[in-house]
Amino acid sequence: MIDTILFDLDDTLLDFQKAVEKSLSKTLIHYNIEPTESVIAMYKEISTKLYKDYEKGLISASDRRNMRYKLLFDKLNVNHSPSEAINYYNKQLAIGHYFVDSAEKVLKNLTGKYRLYIASNGYTNVQMSRIKSADIAQYFENIFISEAIGYEKPDINFFEKCFEKIDNLNKNKTVIIGDNLKADIKGGIQSGIKTIWYNPKKLSYGDIIPDYQIHSLSELPKLVSSM
């Protein structure tokens, strides 16, 4: 029987991709760059490549975050400060929130029945601001964010640091739910807990195999009650 649930935040509870697009557009406009589809696609291509390089160990997490605007500005042949741009972008990202479908309803359903925690990669101030905007901190016993923890998912050290702060943790009764196969599912497998892949696009999972998968968050309460 499950008694403890770790929730990923981005694109599991809160729609991160929508927040990114809104924040990116505001940042581009701030620098007098029209946020056309081609410019936004260019940014996404750069961001995706940097993330893959990070996964391969070719660059650091800091480089992955900070190089996006330098590479974008180089491609656009504009002279702006990448560090100032990323700071402005992060401030926009921290404003407001967009729920994933059924997220708030599911949290209300699960609270009081299970011990709920957030386990998220990202900047502490950005994530906490989004959590505050969404008013969901009330559902969680603790919130773990990689910048504060000192490690990023899927690093087993991230999970071990979280586990140290959860009283009477039983890994056999603990599950993580997240949309990212590597960060959430591989991380959960490596740390010895059960895993649920939130897979709304019905993608194939390759060589990282979750214990369970759902296509809508509305499926979660019934699933965890049966585990």
C-alpha atoms as a PDB file:
ATOM      1  CA  MET A   1       0.000   0.000   0.000  1.00  0.00           C
ATOM      2  CA  ILE A   2       1.340   3.433  -0.986  1.00  0.00           C
ATOM      3  CA  ASP A   3       1.531   6.065   1.747  1.00  0.00           C
ATOM      4  CA  THR A   4       3.967   8.613   0.249  1.00  0.00           C
ATOM      5  CA  ILE A   5       3.793  10.325  -3.161  1.00  0.00           C
ATOM      6  CA  LEU A   6       6.491  12.510  -4.696  1.00  0.00           C
ATOM      7  CA  PHE A   7       5.178  14.824  -7.408  1.00  0.00           C
ATOM      8  CA  ASP A   8       7.254  16.347 -10.144  1.00  0.00           C
ATOM      9  CA  LEU A   9       6.143  19.954 -10.691  1.00  0.00           C
ATOM     10  CA  ASP A  10       6.837  21.015 -14.282  1.00  0.00           C
ATOM     11  CA  ASP A  11       4.457  19.517 -16.853  1.00  0.00           C
ATOM     12  CA  THR A  12       3.063  17.202 -14.198  1.00  0.00           C
ATOM     13  CA  LEU A  13       1.177  19.637 -11.960  1.00  0.00           C
ATOM     14  CA  LEU A  14       1.907  22.985 -13.626  1.00  0.00           C
ATOM     15  CA  ASP A  15       2.111  23.509 -17.398  1.00  0.00           C
ATOM     16  CA  PHE A  16       5.755  24.488 -17.771  1.00  0.00           C
ATOM     17  CA  GLN A  17       5.799  24.594 -21.563  1.00  0.00           C
ATOM     18  CA  LYS A  18       3.035  27.189 -21.635  1.00  0.00           C
ATOM     19  CA  ALA A  19       4.837  29.217 -18.967  1.00  0.00           C
ATOM     20  CA  VAL A  20       8.083  29.030 -20.972  1.00  0.00           C
ATOM     21  CA  GLU A  21       6.418  30.284 -24.148  1.00  0.00           C
ATOM     22  CA  LYS A  22       4.763  33.197 -22.343  1.00  0.00           C
ATOM     23  CA  SER A  23       7.979  34.152 -20.530  1.00  0.00           C
ATOM     24  CA  LEU A  24      10.069  33.825 -23.684  1.00  0.00           C
ATOM     25  CA  SER A  25       7.717  36.085 -25.640  1.00  0.00           C
ATOM     26  CA  LYS A  26       7.808  38.728 -22.888  1.00  0.00           C
ATOM     27  CA  THR A  27      11.605  38.561 -22.800  1.00  0.00           C
ATOM     28  CA  LEU A  28      11.984  38.894 -26.554  1.00  0.00           C
ATOM     29  CA  ILE A  29       9.615  41.867 -26.627  1.00  0.00           C
ATOM     30  CA  HIS A  30      11.588  43.445 -23.776  1.00  0.00           C
ATOM     31  CA  TYR A  31      14.647  43.346 -26.052  1.00  0.00           C
ATOM     32  CA  ASN A  32      12.707  44.629 -29.074  1.00  0.00           C
ATOM     33  CA  ILE A  33      12.813  41.218 -30.773  1.00  0.00           C
ATOM     34  CA  GLU A  34       9.561  40.105 -32.364  1.00  0.00           C
ATOM     35  CA  PRO A  35       8.548  36.711 -30.916  1.00  0.00           C
ATOM     36  CA  THR A  36       7.835  35.109 -34.268  1.00  0.00           C
ATOM     37  CA  GLU A  37       7.300  31.371 -34.658  1.00  0.00           C
ATOM     38  CA  SER A  38      10.748  31.027 -36.230  1.00  0.00           C
ATOM     39  CA  VAL A  39      12.492  32.812 -33.343  1.00  0.00           C
ATOM     40  CA  ILE A  40      10.616  30.754 -30.747  1.00  0.00           C
ATOM     41  CA  ALA A  41      11.446  27.570 -32.687  1.00  0.00           C
ATOM     42  CA  MET A  42      15.102  28.640 -32.754  1.00  0.00           C
ATOM     43  CA  TYR A  43      15.092  29.083 -28.968  1.00  0.00           C
ATOM     44  CA  LYS A  44      13.465  25.686 -28.439  1.00  0.00           C
ATOM     45  CA  GLU A  45      16.009  24.014 -30.718  1.00  0.00           C
ATOM     46  CA  ILE A  46      18.859  25.602 -28.777  1.00  0.00           C
ATOM     47  CA  SER A  47      17.294  24.665 -25.432  1.00  0.00           C
ATOM     48  CA  THR A  48      16.712  21.050 -26.538  1.00  0.00           C
ATOM     49  CA  LYS A  49      20.291  20.643 -27.757  1.00  0.00           C
ATOM     50  CA  LEU A  50      21.690  22.075 -24.525  1.00  0.00           C
ATOM     51  CA  TYR A  51      19.539  19.689 -22.495  1.00  0.00           C
ATOM     52  CA  LYS A  52      20.777  16.714 -24.509  1.00  0.00           C
ATOM     53  CA  ASP A  53      24.381  17.872 -24.054  1.00  0.00           C
ATOM     54  CA  TYR A  54      23.716  18.145 -20.332  1.00  0.00           C
ATOM     55  CA  GLU A  55      22.260  14.617 -20.218  1.00  0.00           C
ATOM     56  CA  LYS A  56      25.416  13.354 -21.944  1.00  0.00           C
ATOM     57  CA  GLY A  57      27.597  15.124 -19.373  1.00  0.00           C
ATOM     58  CA  LEU A  58      29.063  17.492 -21.961  1.00  0.00           C
ATOM     59  CA  ILE A  59      27.998  20.671 -20.142  1.00  0.00           C
ATOM     60  CA  SER A  60      27.032  21.588 -16.589  1.00  0.00           C
ATOM     61  CA  ALA A  61      23.514  22.369 -15.370  1.00  0.00           C
ATOM     62  CA  SER A  62      24.557  26.003 -15.044  1.00  0.00           C
ATOM     63  CA  ASP A  63      25.796  26.088 -18.647  1.00  0.00           C
ATOM     64  CA  ARG A  64      22.577  24.478 -19.823  1.00  0.00           C
ATOM     65  CA  ARG A  65      20.515  27.263 -18.272  1.00  0.00           C
ATOM     66  CA  ASN A  66      22.789  30.209 -18.977  1.00  0.00           C
ATOM     67  CA  MET A  67      23.928  29.540 -22.547  1.00  0.00           C
ATOM     68  CA  ARG A  68      20.439  29.652 -24.089  1.00  0.00           C
ATOM     69  CA  TYR A  69      20.272  33.391 -24.601  1.00  0.00           C
ATOM     70  CA  LYS A  70      23.907  33.755 -25.615  1.00  0.00           C
ATOM     71  CA  LEU A  71      23.396  31.250 -28.428  1.00  0.00           C
ATOM     72  CA  LEU A  72      20.054  32.778 -29.374  1.00  0.00           C
ATOM     73  CA  PHE A  73      21.448  36.315 -29.524  1.00  0.00           C
ATOM     74  CA  ASP A  74      24.426  35.088 -31.545  1.00  0.00           C
ATOM     75  CA  LYS A  75      22.083  33.482 -34.088  1.00  0.00           C
ATOM     76  CA  LEU A  76      19.965  36.616 -34.265  1.00  0.00           C
ATOM     77  CA  ASN A  77      23.086  38.778 -34.496  1.00  0.00           C
ATOM     78  CA  VAL A  78      21.943  41.113 -31.713  1.00  0.00           C
ATOM     79  CA  ASN A  79      24.047  42.590 -28.938  1.00  0.00           C
ATOM     80  CA  HIS A  80      22.367  42.052 -25.579  1.00  0.00           C
ATOM     81  CA  SER A  81      23.594  40.711 -22.258  1.00  0.00           C
ATOM     82  CA  PRO A  82      22.707  36.987 -21.990  1.00  0.00           C
ATOM     83  CA  SER A  83      22.962  37.096 -18.191  1.00  0.00           C
ATOM     84  CA  GLU A  84      20.539  40.022 -17.975  1.00  0.00           C
ATOM     85  CA  ALA A  85      18.199  38.262 -20.389  1.00  0.00           C
ATOM     86  CA  ILE A  86      18.111  35.037 -18.366  1.00  0.00           C
ATOM     87  CA  ASN A  87      17.433  37.042 -15.190  1.00  0.00           C
ATOM     88  CA  TYR A  88      14.573  38.890 -16.877  1.00  0.00           C
ATOM     89  CA  TYR A  89      13.223  35.613 -18.279  1.00  0.00           C
ATOM     90  CA  ASN A  90      13.328  33.922 -14.876  1.00  0.00           C
ATOM     91  CA  LYS A  91      11.434  36.842 -13.313  1.00  0.00           C
ATOM     92  CA  GLN A  92       8.708  36.408 -15.938  1.00  0.00           C
ATOM     93  CA  LEU A  93       8.692  32.644 -15.415  1.00  0.00           C
ATOM     94  CA  ALA A  94       8.099  33.160 -11.704  1.00  0.00           C
ATOM     95  CA  ILE A  95       4.928  35.163 -12.350  1.00  0.00           C
ATOM     96  CA  GLY A  96       1.636  33.286 -12.422  1.00  0.00           C
ATOM     97  CA  HIS A  97       0.876  29.655 -13.166  1.00  0.00           C
ATOM     98  CA  TYR A  98      -0.995  27.330 -15.520  1.00  0.00           C
ATOM     99  CA  PHE A  99      -2.434  24.089 -14.164  1.00  0.00           C
ATOM    100  CA  VAL A 100      -2.134  20.784 -15.971  1.00  0.00           C
ATOM    101  CA  ASP A 101      -5.624  19.361 -16.533  1.00  0.00           C
ATOM    102  CA  SER A 102      -7.130  17.851 -13.344  1.00  0.00           C
ATOM    103  CA  ALA A 103      -4.056  18.736 -11.230  1.00  0.00           C
ATOM    104  CA  GLU A 104      -5.823  20.771  -8.560  1.00  0.00           C
ATOM    105  CA  LYS A 105      -8.741  18.342  -8.322  1.00  0.00           C
ATOM    106  CA  VAL A 106      -6.363  15.381  -7.914  1.00  0.00           C
ATOM    107  CA  LEU A 107      -4.368  17.111  -5.167  1.00  0.00           C
ATOM    108  CA  LYS A 108      -7.559  17.844  -3.250  1.00  0.00           C
ATOM    109  CA  ASN A 109      -8.569  14.188  -3.641  1.00  0.00           C
ATOM    110  CA  LEU A 110      -5.240  12.800  -2.409  1.00  0.00           C
ATOM    111  CA  THR A 111      -4.527  15.196   0.460  1.00  0.00           C
ATOM    112  CA  GLY A 112      -5.128  13.622   3.859  1.00  0.00           C
ATOM    113  CA  LYS A 113      -4.968  10.128   2.379  1.00  0.00           C
ATOM    114  CA  TYR A 114      -1.252  10.156   1.507  1.00  0.00           C
ATOM    115  CA  ARG A 115       1.855  12.105   2.447  1.00  0.00           C
ATOM    116  CA  LEU A 116       2.446  14.386  -0.527  1.00  0.00           C
ATOM    117  CA  TYR A 117       5.735  16.037  -1.522  1.00  0.00           C
ATOM    118  CA  ILE A 118       7.021  18.033  -4.484  1.00  0.00           C
ATOM    119  CA  ALA A 119      10.349  16.897  -5.975  1.00  0.00           C
ATOM    120  CA  SER A 120      11.350  19.367  -8.681  1.00  0.00           C
ATOM    121  CA  ASN A 121      14.366  20.505 -10.643  1.00  0.00           C
ATOM    122  CA  GLY A 122      14.785  24.251 -11.072  1.00  0.00           C
ATOM    123  CA  TYR A 123      15.553  27.518  -9.329  1.00  0.00           C
ATOM    124  CA  THR A 124      14.129  27.786  -5.822  1.00  0.00           C
ATOM    125  CA  ASN A 125      12.749  31.324  -6.158  1.00  0.00           C
ATOM    126  CA  VAL A 126      11.114  30.599  -9.527  1.00  0.00           C
ATOM    127  CA  GLN A 127       9.494  27.329  -8.465  1.00  0.00           C
ATOM    128  CA  MET A 128       8.350  28.614  -5.081  1.00  0.00           C
ATOM    129  CA  SER A 129       6.814  31.692  -6.703  1.00  0.00           C
ATOM    130  CA  ARG A 130       4.854  29.507  -9.146  1.00  0.00           C
ATOM    131  CA  ILE A 131       3.767  27.201  -6.315  1.00  0.00           C
ATOM    132  CA  LYS A 132       2.609  30.209  -4.296  1.00  0.00           C
ATOM    133  CA  SER A 133       0.705  31.615  -7.275  1.00  0.00           C
ATOM    134  CA  ALA A 134      -1.042  28.266  -7.762  1.00  0.00           C
ATOM    135  CA  ASP A 135      -1.768  28.061  -4.003  1.00  0.00           C
ATOM    136  CA  ILE A 136      -0.798  24.393  -3.829  1.00  0.00           C
ATOM    137  CA  ALA A 137       1.796  24.436  -1.022  1.00  0.00           C
ATOM    138  CA  GLN A 138      -1.072  23.633   1.358  1.00  0.00           C
ATOM    139  CA  TYR A 139      -1.278  20.108  -0.051  1.00  0.00           C
ATOM    140  CA  PHE A 140       2.365  19.170   0.570  1.00  0.00           C
ATOM    141  CA  GLU A 141       4.289  18.211   3.685  1.00  0.00           C
ATOM    142  CA  ASN A 142       7.541  19.450   2.138  1.00  0.00           C
ATOM    143  CA  ILE A 143       8.829  20.859  -1.145  1.00  0.00           C
ATOM    144  CA  PHE A 144      12.190  19.723  -2.532  1.00  0.00           C
ATOM    145  CA  ILE A 145      13.832  21.807  -5.265  1.00  0.00           C
ATOM    146  CA  SER A 146      17.142  20.893  -6.865  1.00  0.00           C
ATOM    147  CA  GLU A 147      18.839  24.266  -6.376  1.00  0.00           C
ATOM    148  CA  ALA A 148      18.273  24.019  -2.615  1.00  0.00           C
ATOM    149  CA  ILE A 149      19.005  20.281  -2.463  1.00  0.00           C
ATOM    150  CA  GLY A 150      22.305  20.672  -4.321  1.00  0.00           C
ATOM    151  CA  TYR A 151      21.618  17.915  -6.862  1.00  0.00           C
ATOM    152  CA  GLU A 152      19.254  17.504  -9.826  1.00  0.00           C
ATOM    153  CA  LYS A 153      17.019  14.586 -10.687  1.00  0.00           C
ATOM    154  CA  PRO A 154      17.835  11.863 -11.731  1.00  0.00           C
ATOM    155  CA  ASP A 155      20.929  11.994  -9.488  1.00  0.00           C
ATOM    156  CA  ILE A 156      20.377   9.490  -6.687  1.00  0.00           C
ATOM    157  CA  ASN A 157      21.799  12.072  -4.274  1.00  0.00           C
ATOM    158  CA  PHE A 158      18.785  14.281  -4.974  1.00  0.00           C
ATOM    159  CA  PHE A 159      16.457  11.510  -3.874  1.00  0.00           C
ATOM    160  CA  GLU A 160      18.535  10.506  -0.861  1.00  0.00           C
ATOM    161  CA  LYS A 161      18.563  14.130   0.351  1.00  0.00           C
ATOM    162  CA  CYS A 162      14.779  14.189   0.015  1.00  0.00           C
ATOM    163  CA  PHE A 163      14.401  10.873   1.838  1.00  0.00           C
ATOM    164  CA  GLU A 164      16.443  12.207   4.763  1.00  0.00           C
ATOM    165  CA  LYS A 165      13.738  14.825   5.315  1.00  0.00           C
ATOM    166  CA  ILE A 166      10.803  12.404   5.211  1.00  0.00           C
ATOM    167  CA  ASP A 167      10.061  10.758   8.554  1.00  0.00           C
ATOM    168  CA  ASN A 168       9.687   6.978   8.620  1.00  0.00           C
ATOM    169  CA  LEU A 169      10.089   6.622   4.870  1.00  0.00           C
ATOM    170  CA  ASN A 170       9.373   3.160   3.504  1.00  0.00           C
ATOM    171  CA  LYS A 171      10.603   2.944  -0.093  1.00  0.00           C
ATOM    172  CA  ASN A 172       8.216   0.066  -0.793  1.00  0.00           C
ATOM    173  CA  LYS A 173       5.328   2.404   0.027  1.00  0.00           C
ATOM    174  CA  THR A 174       6.683   5.404  -1.879  1.00  0.00           C
ATOM    175  CA  VAL A 175       6.046   6.417  -5.490  1.00  0.00           C
ATOM    176  CA  ILE A 176       7.120   9.274  -7.739  1.00  0.00           C
ATOM    177  CA  ILE A 177       4.940  10.591 -10.538  1.00  0.00           C
ATOM    178  CA  GLY A 178       6.426  12.693 -13.307  1.00  0.00           C
ATOM    179  CA  ASP A 179       6.412  13.356 -17.032  1.00  0.00           C
ATOM    180  CA  ASN A 180      10.161  13.032 -17.627  1.00  0.00           C
ATOM    181  CA  LEU A 181      11.376   9.478 -18.195  1.00  0.00           C
ATOM    182  CA  LYS A 182      14.984  10.235 -17.312  1.00  0.00           C
ATOM    183  CA  ALA A 183      14.651  12.743 -14.492  1.00  0.00           C
ATOM    184  CA  ASP A 184      11.609  11.270 -12.755  1.00  0.00           C
ATOM    185  CA  ILE A 185      11.303   7.626 -13.779  1.00  0.00           C
ATOM    186  CA  LYS A 186      14.977   6.694 -14.065  1.00  0.00           C
ATOM    187  CA  GLY A 187      15.675   8.696 -10.911  1.00  0.00           C
ATOM    188  CA  GLY A 188      12.911   6.880  -9.049  1.00  0.00           C
ATOM    189  CA  ILE A 189      14.077   3.468 -10.260  1.00  0.00           C
ATOM    190  CA  GLN A 190      17.672   4.173  -9.216  1.00  0.00           C
ATOM    191  CA  SER A 191      16.563   5.326  -5.775  1.00  0.00           C
ATOM    192  CA  GLY A 192      14.481   2.206  -5.152  1.00  0.00           C
ATOM    193  CA  ILE A 193      10.939   3.608  -5.176  1.00  0.00           C
ATOM    194  CA  LYS A 194       7.957   2.896  -7.402  1.00  0.00           C
ATOM    195  CA  THR A 195       7.369   5.032 -10.483  1.00  0.00           C
ATOM    196  CA  ILE A 196       4.379   6.376 -12.398  1.00  0.00           C
ATOM    197  CA  TRP A 197       4.972   7.994 -15.753  1.00  0.00           C
ATOM    198  CA  TYR A 198       2.531  10.777 -16.579  1.00  0.00           C
ATOM    199  CA  ASN A 199       2.358  10.358 -20.345  1.00  0.00           C
ATOM    200  CA  PRO A 200      -0.449  12.500 -21.799  1.00  0.00           C
ATOM    201  CA  LYS A 201       0.981  12.330 -25.342  1.00  0.00           C
ATOM    202  CA  LYS A 202       1.112   8.510 -25.219  1.00  0.00           C
ATOM    203  CA  LEU A 203       4.790   8.356 -26.148  1.00  0.00           C
ATOM    204  CA  SER A 204       6.840   5.144 -26.176  1.00  0.00           C
ATOM    205  CA  TYR A 205       9.180   4.685 -23.250  1.00  0.00           C
ATOM    206  CA  GLY A 206      12.234   3.022 -24.820  1.00  0.00           C
ATOM    207  CA  ASP A 207      14.662   1.461 -22.378  1.00  0.00           C
ATOM    208  CA  ILE A 208      13.438   3.297 -19.254  1.00  0.00           C
ATOM    209  CA  ILE A 209      10.442   1.298 -18.099  1.00  0.00           C
ATOM    210  CA  PRO A 210       8.117   2.766 -15.445  1.00  0.00           C
ATOM    211  CA  ASP A 211       6.174   0.588 -13.034  1.00  0.00           C
ATOM    212  CA  TYR A 212       2.961   2.248 -14.186  1.00  0.00           C
ATOM    213  CA  GLN A 213       1.861   4.940 -16.588  1.00  0.00           C
ATOM    214  CA  ILE A 214      -1.186   7.172 -16.865  1.00  0.00           C
ATOM    215  CA  HIS A 215      -2.368   9.454 -19.653  1.00  0.00           C
ATOM    216  CA  SER A 216      -4.448  11.765 -17.471  1.00  0.00           C
ATOM    217  CA  LEU A 217      -3.887  12.896 -13.893  1.00  0.00           C
ATOM    218  CA  SER A 218      -7.501  11.990 -13.205  1.00  0.00           C
ATOM    219  CA  GLU A 219      -6.376   8.330 -13.324  1.00  0.00           C
ATOM    220  CA  LEU A 220      -3.957   8.791 -10.421  1.00  0.00           C
ATOM    221  CA  PRO A 221      -6.181   8.411  -7.322  1.00  0.00           C
ATOM    222  CA  LYS A 222      -7.589   5.063  -8.455  1.00  0.00           C
ATOM    223  CA  LEU A 223      -4.145   3.808  -9.455  1.00  0.00           C
ATOM    224  CA  VAL A 224      -2.342   4.608  -6.204  1.00  0.00           C
ATOM    225  CA  SER A 225      -5.199   3.173  -4.152  1.00  0.00           C
ATOM    226  CA  SER A 226      -4.674  -0.141  -5.955  1.00  0.00           C
ATOM    227  CA  MET A 227      -0.886  -0.278  -5.594  1.00  0.00           C
END
